[in-house]
Amino acid sequence: MTDAQRLATALNAHLKAPQFSNQKARATARQEPAVNWPKTKVLNEDFNPDVDGYESFVMNDGTICAWQPGQFRYVASKSS
């Protein structure tokens, strides 16, 4: 859960920027070596930015740095 929490903290700090975007979220996630990109791609397979807001990221330990649209922030969660 530590990896997902670390990424959530980094992403939430960037959310305060006026021009935050999915591209900037991905760029931040790319700096985190614990992101499991193949599983992240599967998780976001049906992702629609107009509906979903921002992508979520799967970590190597199986936890998820998940976007919470109602709260407008990222949170660390255990995979479902």
Protein backbone atom coordinates (compact mmCIF):
# COMPACT_ATOMS: atom_id res chain seq x y z
CA MET A 1 0.00 0.00 0.00
CA THR A 2 3.01 2.27 0.52
CA ASP A 3 3.70 2.53 -3.23
CA ALA A 4 0.11 3.47 -4.06
CA GLN A 5 0.03 6.00 -1.22
CA ARG A 6 3.29 7.58 -2.38
CA LEU A 7 1.94 7.98 -5.92
CA ALA A 8 -1.42 9.29 -4.63
CA THR A 9 0.41 11.91 -2.58
CA ALA A 10 2.46 13.00 -5.61
CA LEU A 11 -0.58 13.13 -7.90
CA ASN A 12 -2.70 15.03 -5.36
CA ALA A 13 0.05 17.65 -5.07
CA HIS A 14 -0.06 18.10 -8.87
CA LEU A 15 -3.87 18.35 -8.88
CA LYS A 16 -3.55 21.84 -7.45
CA ALA A 17 -1.95 23.05 -10.68
CA PRO A 18 -4.43 24.82 -12.96
CA GLN A 19 -3.47 22.82 -16.06
CA PHE A 20 -3.49 19.29 -14.57
CA SER A 21 -4.36 16.65 -17.16
CA ASN A 22 -4.25 12.91 -17.79
CA GLN A 23 -0.96 13.44 -19.63
CA LYS A 24 0.53 15.08 -16.55
CA ALA A 25 -0.85 12.31 -14.33
CA ARG A 26 0.78 9.68 -16.56
CA ALA A 27 4.06 11.62 -16.59
CA THR A 28 4.05 11.67 -12.79
CA ALA A 29 3.22 7.95 -12.67
CA ARG A 30 6.06 7.18 -15.11
CA GLN A 31 8.49 8.52 -12.52
CA GLU A 32 7.23 5.89 -10.06
CA PRO A 33 9.02 2.58 -10.72
CA ALA A 34 6.39 0.59 -8.78
CA VAL A 35 3.62 1.19 -11.37
CA ASN A 36 2.66 -2.00 -13.20
CA TRP A 37 1.98 -0.62 -16.69
CA PRO A 38 0.47 -3.77 -18.27
CA LYS A 39 -2.07 -4.08 -15.43
CA THR A 40 -2.71 -0.32 -15.47
CA LYS A 41 -3.51 -0.54 -19.17
CA VAL A 42 -6.03 -3.35 -18.50
CA LEU A 43 -7.60 -1.40 -15.61
CA ASN A 44 -8.09 1.66 -17.83
CA GLU A 45 -9.19 -0.30 -20.91
CA ASP A 46 -12.62 1.34 -21.04
CA PHE A 47 -11.42 4.68 -19.65
CA ASN A 48 -13.30 7.74 -20.87
CA PRO A 49 -11.90 11.08 -19.63
CA ASP A 50 -15.24 12.84 -20.15
CA VAL A 51 -16.92 10.42 -17.74
CA ASP A 52 -14.14 9.03 -15.54
CA GLY A 53 -11.99 12.12 -15.00
CA TYR A 54 -8.48 10.76 -14.52
CA GLU A 55 -6.88 7.34 -14.90
CA SER A 56 -6.06 5.05 -11.98
CA PHE A 57 -2.75 3.18 -11.65
CA VAL A 58 -2.01 -0.40 -10.56
CA MET A 59 1.12 -0.94 -8.51
CA ASN A 60 3.43 -3.98 -8.60
CA ASP A 61 2.22 -5.04 -5.14
CA GLY A 62 -1.36 -5.22 -6.43
CA THR A 63 -2.60 -2.04 -4.77
CA ILE A 64 -4.21 0.72 -6.80
CA CYS A 65 -3.69 4.45 -6.85
CA ALA A 66 -7.32 5.17 -7.67
CA TRP A 67 -8.95 8.35 -8.87
CA GLN A 68 -11.98 9.28 -6.74
CA PRO A 69 -14.08 11.62 -8.90
CA GLY A 70 -16.54 12.63 -6.16
CA GLN A 71 -13.65 13.63 -3.90
CA PHE A 72 -11.48 15.02 -6.74
CA ARG A 73 -8.37 13.26 -5.43
CA TYR A 74 -6.34 10.07 -5.67
CA VAL A 75 -6.42 7.46 -2.91
CA ALA A 76 -4.48 4.27 -2.27
CA SER A 77 -6.66 1.17 -2.19
CA LYS A 78 -6.31 -2.58 -2.18
CA SER A 79 -7.12 -4.23 -5.48
CA SER A 80 -10.64 -5.62 -5.74
